[in-house]
Full PDB file with SEQRES, HELIX, SHEET, SSBOND, CRYST1, ORIGX, SCALE, CONECT and MASTER records, all heavy atoms in Angstrom:
SEQRES   1 A   40  SER SER ALA GLY ASN THR ASP TYR GLN ASP SER VAL LYS          
SEQRES   2 A   40  GLY ARG PHE THR ILE SER ARG ASP ASN ALA LYS ASN THR          
SEQRES   3 A   40  VAL TYR LEU GLN MET ASN ILE LEU LYS PRO GLU ASP THR          
SEQRES   4 A   40  ALA                                                          
HELIX    1 AA1 ASP A   10  VAL A   12  5                                   3    
HELIX    2 AA2 ASN A   22  LYS A   24  5                                   3    
HELIX    3 AA3 PRO A   36  ASP A   38  5                                   3    
SHEET    1 AA1 2 PHE A  16  ASP A  21  0                                        
SHEET    2 AA1 2 THR A  26  MET A  31 -1                                        
CRYST1    1.000    1.000    1.000  90.00  90.00  90.00 P 1           1          
ORIGX1      1.000000  0.000000  0.000000        0.00000                         
ORIGX2      0.000000  1.000000  0.000000        0.00000                         
ORIGX3      0.000000  0.000000  1.000000        0.00000                         
SCALE1      1.000000  0.000000  0.000000        0.00000                         
SCALE2      0.000000  1.000000  0.000000        0.00000                         
SCALE3      0.000000  0.000000  1.000000        0.00000                         
ATOM      1  N   SER A   1      -0.736   4.122  16.658  1.00  0.00           N  
ATOM      2  CA  SER A   1      -0.041   5.138  15.886  1.00  0.00           C  
ATOM      3  C   SER A   1       0.094   4.694  14.436  1.00  0.00           C  
ATOM      4  O   SER A   1      -0.194   3.555  14.081  1.00  0.00           O  
ATOM      5  CB  SER A   1       1.342   5.406  16.487  1.00  0.00           C  
ATOM      6  OG  SER A   1       2.222   4.332  16.224  1.00  0.00           O  
ATOM      7  N   SER A   2       0.554   5.607  13.587  1.00  0.00           N  
ATOM      8  CA  SER A   2       0.752   5.272  12.185  1.00  0.00           C  
ATOM      9  C   SER A   2       1.818   4.199  11.990  1.00  0.00           C  
ATOM     10  O   SER A   2       1.801   3.483  10.986  1.00  0.00           O  
ATOM     11  CB  SER A   2       1.127   6.523  11.383  1.00  0.00           C  
ATOM     12  OG  SER A   2       2.322   7.107  11.879  1.00  0.00           O  
ATOM     13  N   ALA A   3       2.723   4.087  12.951  1.00  0.00           N  
ATOM     14  CA  ALA A   3       3.768   3.066  12.905  1.00  0.00           C  
ATOM     15  C   ALA A   3       3.327   1.738  13.500  1.00  0.00           C  
ATOM     16  O   ALA A   3       4.074   0.762  13.423  1.00  0.00           O  
ATOM     17  CB  ALA A   3       5.017   3.565  13.613  1.00  0.00           C  
ATOM     18  N   GLY A   4       2.148   1.701  14.122  1.00  0.00           N  
ATOM     19  CA  GLY A   4       1.641   0.468  14.688  1.00  0.00           C  
ATOM     20  C   GLY A   4       1.817   0.313  16.180  1.00  0.00           C  
ATOM     21  O   GLY A   4       1.506  -0.753  16.723  1.00  0.00           O  
ATOM     22  N   ASN A   5       2.293   1.335  16.865  1.00  0.00           N  
ATOM     23  CA  ASN A   5       2.404   1.277  18.319  1.00  0.00           C  
ATOM     24  C   ASN A   5       1.015   1.374  18.945  1.00  0.00           C  
ATOM     25  O   ASN A   5       0.209   2.217  18.551  1.00  0.00           O  
ATOM     26  CB  ASN A   5       3.288   2.405  18.842  1.00  0.00           C  
ATOM     27  CG  ASN A   5       4.669   2.390  18.231  1.00  0.00           C  
ATOM     28  OD1 ASN A   5       5.085   3.330  17.561  1.00  0.00           O  
ATOM     29  ND2 ASN A   5       5.396   1.302  18.459  1.00  0.00           N  
ATOM     30  N   THR A   6       0.733   0.529  19.929  1.00  0.00           N  
ATOM     31  CA  THR A   6      -0.602   0.433  20.503  1.00  0.00           C  
ATOM     32  C   THR A   6      -0.617   0.745  21.986  1.00  0.00           C  
ATOM     33  O   THR A   6       0.393   0.622  22.688  1.00  0.00           O  
ATOM     34  CB  THR A   6      -1.193  -0.964  20.288  1.00  0.00           C  
ATOM     35  OG1 THR A   6      -0.347  -1.941  20.915  1.00  0.00           O  
ATOM     36  CG2 THR A   6      -1.296  -1.280  18.807  1.00  0.00           C  
ATOM     37  N   ASP A   7      -1.799   1.135  22.460  1.00  0.00           N  
ATOM     38  CA  ASP A   7      -2.037   1.381  23.874  1.00  0.00           C  
ATOM     39  C   ASP A   7      -3.466   0.970  24.172  1.00  0.00           C  
ATOM     40  O   ASP A   7      -4.358   1.178  23.344  1.00  0.00           O  
ATOM     41  CB  ASP A   7      -1.804   2.851  24.205  1.00  0.00           C  
ATOM     42  CG  ASP A   7      -1.612   3.085  25.693  1.00  0.00           C  
ATOM     43  OD1 ASP A   7      -1.356   2.124  26.435  1.00  0.00           O  
ATOM     44  OD2 ASP A   7      -1.707   4.257  26.118  1.00  0.00           O  
ATOM     45  N   TYR A   8      -3.699   0.382  25.360  1.00  0.00           N  
ATOM     46  CA  TYR A   8      -5.003  -0.160  25.710  1.00  0.00           C  
ATOM     47  C   TYR A   8      -5.437   0.277  27.097  1.00  0.00           C  
ATOM     48  O   TYR A   8      -4.621   0.441  28.006  1.00  0.00           O  
ATOM     49  CB  TYR A   8      -4.993  -1.688  25.690  1.00  0.00           C  
ATOM     50  CG  TYR A   8      -4.737  -2.300  24.341  1.00  0.00           C  
ATOM     51  CD1 TYR A   8      -3.446  -2.610  23.931  1.00  0.00           C  
ATOM     52  CD2 TYR A   8      -5.789  -2.583  23.481  1.00  0.00           C  
ATOM     53  CE1 TYR A   8      -3.212  -3.179  22.693  1.00  0.00           C  
ATOM     54  CE2 TYR A   8      -5.563  -3.151  22.241  1.00  0.00           C  
ATOM     55  CZ  TYR A   8      -4.269  -3.451  21.854  1.00  0.00           C  
ATOM     56  OH  TYR A   8      -4.034  -4.022  20.626  1.00  0.00           O  
ATOM     57  N   GLN A   9      -6.738   0.427  27.260  1.00  0.00           N  
ATOM     58  CA  GLN A   9      -7.328   0.554  28.568  1.00  0.00           C  
ATOM     59  C   GLN A   9      -7.133  -0.771  29.308  1.00  0.00           C  
ATOM     60  O   GLN A   9      -7.243  -1.844  28.713  1.00  0.00           O  
ATOM     61  CB  GLN A   9      -8.812   0.885  28.438  1.00  0.00           C  
ATOM     62  CG  GLN A   9      -9.545   1.080  29.745  1.00  0.00           C  
ATOM     63  CD  GLN A   9     -10.967   1.514  29.514  1.00  0.00           C  
ATOM     64  OE1 GLN A   9     -11.233   2.694  29.278  1.00  0.00           O  
ATOM     65  NE2 GLN A   9     -11.893   0.559  29.580  1.00  0.00           N  
ATOM     66  N   ASP A  10      -6.849  -0.686  30.602  1.00  0.00           N  
ATOM     67  CA  ASP A  10      -6.529  -1.889  31.373  1.00  0.00           C  
ATOM     68  C   ASP A  10      -7.632  -2.946  31.304  1.00  0.00           C  
ATOM     69  O   ASP A  10      -7.338  -4.150  31.272  1.00  0.00           O  
ATOM     70  CB  ASP A  10      -6.263  -1.532  32.835  1.00  0.00           C  
ATOM     71  CG  ASP A  10      -4.931  -0.849  33.045  1.00  0.00           C  
ATOM     72  OD1 ASP A  10      -4.071  -0.922  32.138  1.00  0.00           O  
ATOM     73  OD2 ASP A  10      -4.740  -0.245  34.112  1.00  0.00           O  
ATOM     74  N   SER A  11      -8.874  -2.537  31.275  1.00  0.00           N  
ATOM     75  CA  SER A  11      -9.983  -3.479  31.324  1.00  0.00           C  
ATOM     76  C   SER A  11     -10.108  -4.347  30.077  1.00  0.00           C  
ATOM     77  O   SER A  11     -10.798  -5.367  30.107  1.00  0.00           O  
ATOM     78  CB  SER A  11     -11.301  -2.740  31.560  1.00  0.00           C  
ATOM     79  OG  SER A  11     -11.617  -1.897  30.465  1.00  0.00           O  
ATOM     80  N   VAL A  12      -9.444  -3.968  28.986  1.00  0.00           N  
ATOM     81  CA  VAL A  12      -9.547  -4.740  27.743  1.00  0.00           C  
ATOM     82  C   VAL A  12      -8.244  -5.411  27.352  1.00  0.00           C  
ATOM     83  O   VAL A  12      -8.218  -6.157  26.363  1.00  0.00           O  
ATOM     84  CB  VAL A  12     -10.057  -3.873  26.570  1.00  0.00           C  
ATOM     85  CG1 VAL A  12     -11.351  -3.170  26.947  1.00  0.00           C  
ATOM     86  CG2 VAL A  12      -9.002  -2.866  26.136  1.00  0.00           C  
ATOM     87  N   LYS A  13      -7.189  -5.186  28.100  1.00  0.00           N  
ATOM     88  CA  LYS A  13      -5.906  -5.805  27.782  1.00  0.00           C  
ATOM     89  C   LYS A  13      -6.016  -7.324  27.825  1.00  0.00           C  
ATOM     90  O   LYS A  13      -6.594  -7.887  28.743  1.00  0.00           O  
ATOM     91  CB  LYS A  13      -4.823  -5.338  28.756  1.00  0.00           C  
ATOM     92  CG  LYS A  13      -4.368  -3.916  28.529  1.00  0.00           C  
ATOM     93  CD  LYS A  13      -3.259  -3.526  29.502  1.00  0.00           C  
ATOM     94  CE  LYS A  13      -2.765  -2.117  29.236  1.00  0.00           C  
ATOM     95  NZ  LYS A  13      -1.716  -1.717  30.203  1.00  0.00           N  
ATOM     96  N   GLY A  14      -5.465  -7.963  26.810  1.00  0.00           N  
ATOM     97  CA  GLY A  14      -5.534  -9.405  26.711  1.00  0.00           C  
ATOM     98  C   GLY A  14      -6.777  -9.914  26.030  1.00  0.00           C  
ATOM     99  O   GLY A  14      -6.848 -11.108  25.701  1.00  0.00           O  
ATOM    100  N   ARG A  15      -7.768  -9.050  25.824  1.00  0.00           N  
ATOM    101  CA  ARG A  15      -9.006  -9.451  25.162  1.00  0.00           C  
ATOM    102  C   ARG A  15      -9.217  -8.734  23.827  1.00  0.00           C  
ATOM    103  O   ARG A  15      -9.720  -9.324  22.876  1.00  0.00           O  
ATOM    104  CB  ARG A  15     -10.208  -9.176  26.063  1.00  0.00           C  
ATOM    105  CG  ARG A  15     -10.181  -9.926  27.386  1.00  0.00           C  
ATOM    106  CD  ARG A  15     -11.500  -9.786  28.137  1.00  0.00           C  
ATOM    107  NE  ARG A  15     -11.785  -8.398  28.485  1.00  0.00           N  
ATOM    108  CZ  ARG A  15     -12.871  -7.728  28.090  1.00  0.00           C  
ATOM    109  NH1 ARG A  15     -13.787  -8.326  27.332  1.00  0.00           N  
ATOM    110  NH2 ARG A  15     -13.060  -6.470  28.472  1.00  0.00           N  
ATOM    111  N   PHE A  16      -8.856  -7.457  23.775  1.00  0.00           N  
ATOM    112  CA  PHE A  16      -9.055  -6.649  22.568  1.00  0.00           C  
ATOM    113  C   PHE A  16      -7.725  -6.415  21.866  1.00  0.00           C  
ATOM    114  O   PHE A  16      -6.683  -6.285  22.512  1.00  0.00           O  
ATOM    115  CB  PHE A  16      -9.659  -5.289  22.910  1.00  0.00           C  
ATOM    116  CG  PHE A  16     -11.085  -5.317  23.383  1.00  0.00           C  
ATOM    117  CD1 PHE A  16     -11.724  -6.502  23.704  1.00  0.00           C  
ATOM    118  CD2 PHE A  16     -11.783  -4.130  23.512  1.00  0.00           C  
ATOM    119  CE1 PHE A  16     -13.037  -6.513  24.146  1.00  0.00           C  
ATOM    120  CE2 PHE A  16     -13.095  -4.119  23.950  1.00  0.00           C  
ATOM    121  CZ  PHE A  16     -13.724  -5.315  24.265  1.00  0.00           C  
ATOM    122  N   THR A  17      -7.775  -6.312  20.548  1.00  0.00           N  
ATOM    123  CA  THR A  17      -6.597  -5.990  19.752  1.00  0.00           C  
ATOM    124  C   THR A  17      -6.947  -4.925  18.724  1.00  0.00           C  
ATOM    125  O   THR A  17      -7.877  -5.108  17.935  1.00  0.00           O  
ATOM    126  CB  THR A  17      -6.040  -7.225  19.032  1.00  0.00           C  
ATOM    127  OG1 THR A  17      -5.718  -8.242  19.980  1.00  0.00           O  
ATOM    128  CG2 THR A  17      -4.775  -6.863  18.249  1.00  0.00           C  
ATOM    129  N   ILE A  18      -6.211  -3.817  18.729  1.00  0.00           N  
ATOM    130  CA  ILE A  18      -6.396  -2.780  17.727  1.00  0.00           C  
ATOM    131  C   ILE A  18      -5.346  -2.958  16.633  1.00  0.00           C  
ATOM    132  O   ILE A  18      -4.201  -3.307  16.908  1.00  0.00           O  
ATOM    133  CB  ILE A  18      -6.317  -1.369  18.353  1.00  0.00           C  
ATOM    134  CG1 ILE A  18      -6.733  -0.298  17.340  1.00  0.00           C  
ATOM    135  CG2 ILE A  18      -4.948  -1.090  18.933  1.00  0.00           C  
ATOM    136  CD1 ILE A  18      -6.899   1.090  17.951  1.00  0.00           C  
ATOM    137  N   SER A  19      -5.751  -2.737  15.397  1.00  0.00           N  
ATOM    138  CA  SER A  19      -4.841  -2.845  14.264  1.00  0.00           C  
ATOM    139  C   SER A  19      -5.282  -1.856  13.190  1.00  0.00           C  
ATOM    140  O   SER A  19      -6.366  -1.277  13.275  1.00  0.00           O  
ATOM    141  CB  SER A  19      -4.803  -4.273  13.711  1.00  0.00           C  
ATOM    142  OG  SER A  19      -6.078  -4.672  13.248  1.00  0.00           O  
ATOM    143  N   ARG A  20      -4.437  -1.665  12.183  1.00  0.00           N  
ATOM    144  CA  ARG A  20      -4.797  -0.746  11.101  1.00  0.00           C  
ATOM    145  C   ARG A  20      -4.176  -1.196   9.791  1.00  0.00           C  
ATOM    146  O   ARG A  20      -3.149  -1.875   9.765  1.00  0.00           O  
ATOM    147  CB  ARG A  20      -4.374   0.692  11.427  1.00  0.00           C  
ATOM    148  CG  ARG A  20      -2.873   0.902  11.547  1.00  0.00           C  
ATOM    149  CD  ARG A  20      -2.552   2.277  12.135  1.00  0.00           C  
ATOM    150  NE  ARG A  20      -2.783   3.358  11.187  1.00  0.00           N  
ATOM    151  CZ  ARG A  20      -2.751   4.651  11.500  1.00  0.00           C  
ATOM    152  NH1 ARG A  20      -2.537   5.022  12.760  1.00  0.00           N  
ATOM    153  NH2 ARG A  20      -2.960   5.572  10.561  1.00  0.00           N  
ATOM    154  N   ASP A  21      -4.821  -0.802   8.712  1.00  0.00           N  
ATOM    155  CA  ASP A  21      -4.331  -1.017   7.364  1.00  0.00           C  
ATOM    156  C   ASP A  21      -4.163   0.367   6.755  1.00  0.00           C  
ATOM    157  O   ASP A  21      -5.144   1.002   6.348  1.00  0.00           O  
ATOM    158  CB  ASP A  21      -5.312  -1.866   6.559  1.00  0.00           C  
ATOM    159  CG  ASP A  21      -4.796  -2.218   5.183  1.00  0.00           C  
ATOM    160  OD1 ASP A  21      -3.921  -1.504   4.653  1.00  0.00           O  
ATOM    161  OD2 ASP A  21      -5.270  -3.225   4.618  1.00  0.00           O  
ATOM    162  N   ASN A  22      -2.943   0.852   6.703  1.00  0.00           N  
ATOM    163  CA  ASN A  22      -2.694   2.213   6.236  1.00  0.00           C  
ATOM    164  C   ASN A  22      -3.065   2.409   4.763  1.00  0.00           C  
ATOM    165  O   ASN A  22      -3.471   3.496   4.362  1.00  0.00           O  
ATOM    166  CB  ASN A  22      -1.235   2.586   6.467  1.00  0.00           C  
ATOM    167  CG  ASN A  22      -0.900   2.746   7.938  1.00  0.00           C  
ATOM    168  OD1 ASN A  22      -1.766   3.078   8.754  1.00  0.00           O  
ATOM    169  ND2 ASN A  22       0.352   2.512   8.294  1.00  0.00           N  
ATOM    170  N   ALA A  23      -2.913   1.366   3.960  1.00  0.00           N  
ATOM    171  CA  ALA A  23      -3.263   1.459   2.547  1.00  0.00           C  
ATOM    172  C   ALA A  23      -4.761   1.674   2.349  1.00  0.00           C  
ATOM    173  O   ALA A  23      -5.184   2.249   1.347  1.00  0.00           O  
ATOM    174  CB  ALA A  23      -2.811   0.210   1.802  1.00  0.00           C  
ATOM    175  N   LYS A  24      -5.567   1.200   3.302  1.00  0.00           N  
ATOM    176  CA  LYS A  24      -7.019   1.330   3.220  1.00  0.00           C  
ATOM    177  C   LYS A  24      -7.572   2.409   4.144  1.00  0.00           C  
ATOM    178  O   LYS A  24      -8.790   2.600   4.202  1.00  0.00           O  
ATOM    179  CB  LYS A  24      -7.687  -0.002   3.554  1.00  0.00           C  
ATOM    180  CG  LYS A  24      -7.353  -1.125   2.595  1.00  0.00           C  
ATOM    181  CD  LYS A  24      -8.049  -2.418   3.008  1.00  0.00           C  
ATOM    182  CE  LYS A  24      -7.739  -3.542   2.035  1.00  0.00           C  
ATOM    183  NZ  LYS A  24      -8.401  -4.812   2.437  1.00  0.00           N  
ATOM    184  N   ASN A  25      -6.694   3.099   4.873  1.00  0.00           N  
ATOM    185  CA  ASN A  25      -7.118   4.099   5.853  1.00  0.00           C  
ATOM    186  C   ASN A  25      -8.172   3.533   6.807  1.00  0.00           C  
ATOM    187  O   ASN A  25      -9.168   4.184   7.119  1.00  0.00           O  
ATOM    188  CB  ASN A  25      -7.656   5.355   5.161  1.00  0.00           C  
ATOM    189  CG  ASN A  25      -6.568   6.168   4.503  1.00  0.00           C  
ATOM    190  OD1 ASN A  25      -5.413   6.154   4.926  1.00  0.00           O  
ATOM    191  ND2 ASN A  25      -6.935   6.908   3.457  1.00  0.00           N  
ATOM    192  N   THR A  26      -7.920   2.334   7.272  1.00  0.00           N  
ATOM    193  CA  THR A  26      -8.891   1.613   8.080  1.00  0.00           C  
ATOM    194  C   THR A  26      -8.270   1.144   9.390  1.00  0.00           C  
ATOM    195  O   THR A  26      -7.127   0.682   9.409  1.00  0.00           O  
ATOM    196  CB  THR A  26      -9.444   0.404   7.315  1.00  0.00           C  
ATOM    197  OG1 THR A  26     -10.096   0.859   6.118  1.00  0.00           O  
ATOM    198  CG2 THR A  26     -10.447  -0.366   8.153  1.00  0.00           C  
ATOM    199  N   VAL A  27      -9.031   1.273  10.465  1.00  0.00           N  
ATOM    200  CA  VAL A  27      -8.624   0.778  11.774  1.00  0.00           C  
ATOM    201  C   VAL A  27      -9.632  -0.279  12.217  1.00  0.00           C  
ATOM    202  O   VAL A  27     -10.825  -0.172  11.929  1.00  0.00           O  
ATOM    203  CB  VAL A  27      -8.511   1.917  12.803  1.00  0.00           C  
ATOM    204  CG1 VAL A  27      -9.855   2.593  13.040  1.00  0.00           C  
ATOM    205  CG2 VAL A  27      -7.917   1.411  14.117  1.00  0.00           C  
ATOM    206  N   TYR A  28      -9.138  -1.296  12.914  1.00  0.00           N  
ATOM    207  CA  TYR A  28      -9.964  -2.404  13.362  1.00  0.00           C  
ATOM    208  C   TYR A  28      -9.861  -2.556  14.876  1.00  0.00           C  
ATOM    209  O   TYR A  28      -8.874  -2.168  15.489  1.00  0.00           O  
ATOM    210  CB  TYR A  28      -9.519  -3.716  12.719  1.00  0.00           C  
ATOM    211  CG  TYR A  28      -9.473  -3.692  11.213  1.00  0.00           C  
ATOM    212  CD1 TYR A  28      -8.287  -3.381  10.542  1.00  0.00           C  
ATOM    213  CD2 TYR A  28     -10.598  -3.979  10.452  1.00  0.00           C  
ATOM    214  CE1 TYR A  28      -8.234  -3.355   9.166  1.00  0.00           C  
ATOM    215  CE2 TYR A  28     -10.551  -3.957   9.070  1.00  0.00           C  
ATOM    216  CZ  TYR A  28      -9.373  -3.646   8.429  1.00  0.00           C  
ATOM    217  OH  TYR A  28      -9.326  -3.623   7.062  1.00  0.00           O  
ATOM    218  N   LEU A  29     -10.886  -3.145  15.450  1.00  0.00           N  
ATOM    219  CA  LEU A  29     -10.844  -3.542  16.851  1.00  0.00           C  
ATOM    220  C   LEU A  29     -11.388  -4.957  16.956  1.00  0.00           C  
ATOM    221  O   LEU A  29     -12.585  -5.181  16.795  1.00  0.00           O  
ATOM    222  CB  LEU A  29     -11.659  -2.598  17.734  1.00  0.00           C  
ATOM    223  CG  LEU A  29     -11.553  -2.858  19.238  1.00  0.00           C  
ATOM    224  CD1 LEU A  29     -10.145  -2.544  19.740  1.00  0.00           C  
ATOM    225  CD2 LEU A  29     -12.589  -2.040  20.007  1.00  0.00           C  
ATOM    226  N   GLN A  30     -10.493  -5.906  17.189  1.00  0.00           N  
ATOM    227  CA  GLN A  30     -10.888  -7.290  17.418  1.00  0.00           C  
ATOM    228  C   GLN A  30     -11.200  -7.449  18.898  1.00  0.00           C  
ATOM    229  O   GLN A  30     -10.334  -7.223  19.745  1.00  0.00           O  
ATOM    230  CB  GLN A  30      -9.771  -8.243  17.002  1.00  0.00           C  
ATOM    231  CG  GLN A  30     -10.081  -9.717  17.240  1.00  0.00           C  
ATOM    232  CD  GLN A  30     -11.203 -10.229  16.374  1.00  0.00           C  
ATOM    233  OE1 GLN A  30     -11.221  -9.975  15.177  1.00  0.00           O  
ATOM    234  NE2 GLN A  30     -12.150 -10.935  16.971  1.00  0.00           N  
ATOM    235  N   MET A  31     -12.417  -7.854  19.203  1.00  0.00           N  
ATOM    236  CA  MET A  31     -12.875  -7.977  20.578  1.00  0.00           C  
ATOM    237  C   MET A  31     -13.183  -9.439  20.864  1.00  0.00           C  
ATOM    238  O   MET A  31     -14.079 -10.023  20.248  1.00  0.00           O  
ATOM    239  CB  MET A  31     -14.108  -7.112  20.817  1.00  0.00           C  
ATOM    240  CG  MET A  31     -13.889  -5.642  20.487  1.00  0.00           C  
ATOM    241  SD  MET A  31     -15.329  -4.615  20.893  1.00  0.00           S  
ATOM    242  CE  MET A  31     -16.517  -5.270  19.712  1.00  0.00           C  
ATOM    243  N   ASN A  32     -12.457 -10.020  21.804  1.00  0.00           N  
ATOM    244  CA  ASN A  32     -12.641 -11.413  22.199  1.00  0.00           C  
ATOM    245  C   ASN A  32     -13.055 -11.490  23.663  1.00  0.00           C  
ATOM    246  O   ASN A  32     -12.839 -10.563  24.441  1.00  0.00           O  
ATOM    247  CB  ASN A  32     -11.356 -12.210  21.986  1.00  0.00           C  
ATOM    248  CG  ASN A  32     -10.914 -12.252  20.541  1.00  0.00           C  
ATOM    249  OD1 ASN A  32     -11.731 -12.322  19.630  1.00  0.00           O  
ATOM    250  ND2 ASN A  32      -9.596 -12.222  20.324  1.00  0.00           N  
ATOM    251  N   ILE A  33     -13.610 -12.627  24.040  1.00  0.00           N  
ATOM    252  CA  ILE A  33     -14.055 -12.891  25.409  1.00  0.00           C  
ATOM    253  C   ILE A  33     -14.885 -11.710  25.909  1.00  0.00           C  
ATOM    254  O   ILE A  33     -14.639 -11.148  26.977  1.00  0.00           O  
ATOM    255  CB  ILE A  33     -12.864 -13.170  26.349  1.00  0.00           C  
ATOM    256  CG1 ILE A  33     -11.805 -14.033  25.664  1.00  0.00           C  
ATOM    257  CG2 ILE A  33     -13.337 -13.878  27.627  1.00  0.00           C  
ATOM    258  CD1 ILE A  33     -10.553 -14.260  26.473  1.00  0.00           C  
ATOM    259  N   LEU A  34     -15.870 -11.344  25.136  1.00  0.00           N  
ATOM    260  CA  LEU A  34     -16.689 -10.191  25.454  1.00  0.00           C  
ATOM    261  C   LEU A  34     -17.491 -10.416  26.732  1.00  0.00           C  
ATOM    262  O   LEU A  34     -17.943 -11.532  27.015  1.00  0.00           O  
ATOM    263  CB  LEU A  34     -17.629  -9.865  24.301  1.00  0.00           C  
ATOM    264  CG  LEU A  34     -16.962  -9.142  23.133  1.00  0.00           C  
ATOM    265  CD1 LEU A  34     -17.807  -9.248  21.878  1.00  0.00           C  
ATOM    266  CD2 LEU A  34     -16.713  -7.681  23.491  1.00  0.00           C  
ATOM    267  N   LYS A  35     -17.649  -9.343  27.488  1.00  0.00           N  
ATOM    268  CA  LYS A  35     -18.364  -9.355  28.753  1.00  0.00           C  
ATOM    269  C   LYS A  35     -19.531  -8.377  28.684  1.00  0.00           C  
ATOM    270  O   LYS A  35     -19.498  -7.422  27.916  1.00  0.00           O  
ATOM    271  CB  LYS A  35     -17.430  -8.951  29.897  1.00  0.00           C  
ATOM    272  CG  LYS A  35     -16.176  -9.789  30.024  1.00  0.00           C  
ATOM    273  CD  LYS A  35     -15.253  -9.233  31.097  1.00  0.00           C  
ATOM    274  CE  LYS A  35     -13.990 -10.064  31.229  1.00  0.00           C  
ATOM    275  NZ  LYS A  35     -13.080  -9.510  32.262  1.00  0.00           N  
ATOM    276  N   PRO A  36     -20.568  -8.591  29.505  1.00  0.00           N  
ATOM    277  CA  PRO A  36     -21.689  -7.646  29.504  1.00  0.00           C  
ATOM    278  C   PRO A  36     -21.255  -6.199  29.754  1.00  0.00           C  
ATOM    279  O   PRO A  36     -21.864  -5.275  29.198  1.00  0.00           O  
ATOM    280  CB  PRO A  36     -22.582  -8.163  30.633  1.00  0.00           C  
ATOM    281  CG  PRO A  36     -22.331  -9.629  30.643  1.00  0.00           C  
ATOM    282  CD  PRO A  36     -20.857  -9.767  30.346  1.00  0.00           C  
ATOM    283  N   GLU A  37     -20.223  -5.989  30.545  1.00  0.00           N  
ATOM    284  CA  GLU A  37     -19.753  -4.637  30.815  1.00  0.00           C  
ATOM    285  C   GLU A  37     -19.077  -3.976  29.616  1.00  0.00           C  
ATOM    286  O   GLU A  37     -18.761  -2.786  29.662  1.00  0.00           O  
ATOM    287  CB  GLU A  37     -18.807  -4.609  32.024  1.00  0.00           C  
ATOM    288  CG  GLU A  37     -17.681  -5.621  31.948  1.00  0.00           C  
ATOM    289  CD  GLU A  37     -17.975  -6.884  32.740  1.00  0.00           C  
ATOM    290  OE1 GLU A  37     -19.114  -7.397  32.636  1.00  0.00           O  
ATOM    291  OE2 GLU A  37     -17.081  -7.358  33.463  1.00  0.00           O  
ATOM    292  N   ASP A  38     -18.846  -4.735  28.543  1.00  0.00           N  
ATOM    293  CA  ASP A  38     -18.340  -4.154  27.300  1.00  0.00           C  
ATOM    294  C   ASP A  38     -19.451  -3.506  26.482  1.00  0.00           C  
ATOM    295  O   ASP A  38     -19.164  -2.847  25.475  1.00  0.00           O  
ATOM    296  CB  ASP A  38     -17.652  -5.214  26.446  1.00  0.00           C  
ATOM    297  CG  ASP A  38     -16.393  -5.770  27.089  1.00  0.00           C  
ATOM    298  OD1 ASP A  38     -15.619  -4.984  27.673  1.00  0.00           O  
ATOM    299  OD2 ASP A  38     -16.183  -6.998  27.006  1.00  0.00           O  
ATOM    300  N   THR A  39     -20.692  -3.698  26.876  1.00  0.00           N  
ATOM    301  CA  THR A  39     -21.821  -3.126  26.154  1.00  0.00           C  
ATOM    302  C   THR A  39     -21.722  -1.606  26.124  1.00  0.00           C  
ATOM    303  O   THR A  39     -21.618  -0.958  27.166  1.00  0.00           O  
ATOM    304  CB  THR A  39     -23.144  -3.547  26.799  1.00  0.00           C  
ATOM    305  OG1 THR A  39     -23.295  -4.964  26.682  1.00  0.00           O  
ATOM    306  CG2 THR A  39     -24.328  -2.863  26.129  1.00  0.00           C  
ATOM    307  N   ALA A  40     -21.741  -1.038  24.921  1.00  0.00           N  
ATOM    308  CA  ALA A  40     -21.587   0.399  24.746  1.00  0.00           C  
ATOM    309  C   ALA A  40     -21.706   0.735  23.267  1.00  0.00           C  
ATOM    310  O   ALA A  40     -21.705  -0.154  22.411  1.00  0.00           O  
ATOM    311  CB  ALA A  40     -20.230   0.872  25.268  1.00  0.00           C  
TER     312      ALA A  40                                                      
MASTER        0    0    0    3    2    0    0    6  311    1    0    4          
END                                                                             
């Protein structure tokens, strides 16, 4: 959300982190411990 509240699909919890920079109108997705099933 614009306030920074996050929600995740269960399969990526603990591995992925979503964040945003409101001043830059930019959203990020940090993906760690990537698995072949993340291919998409």
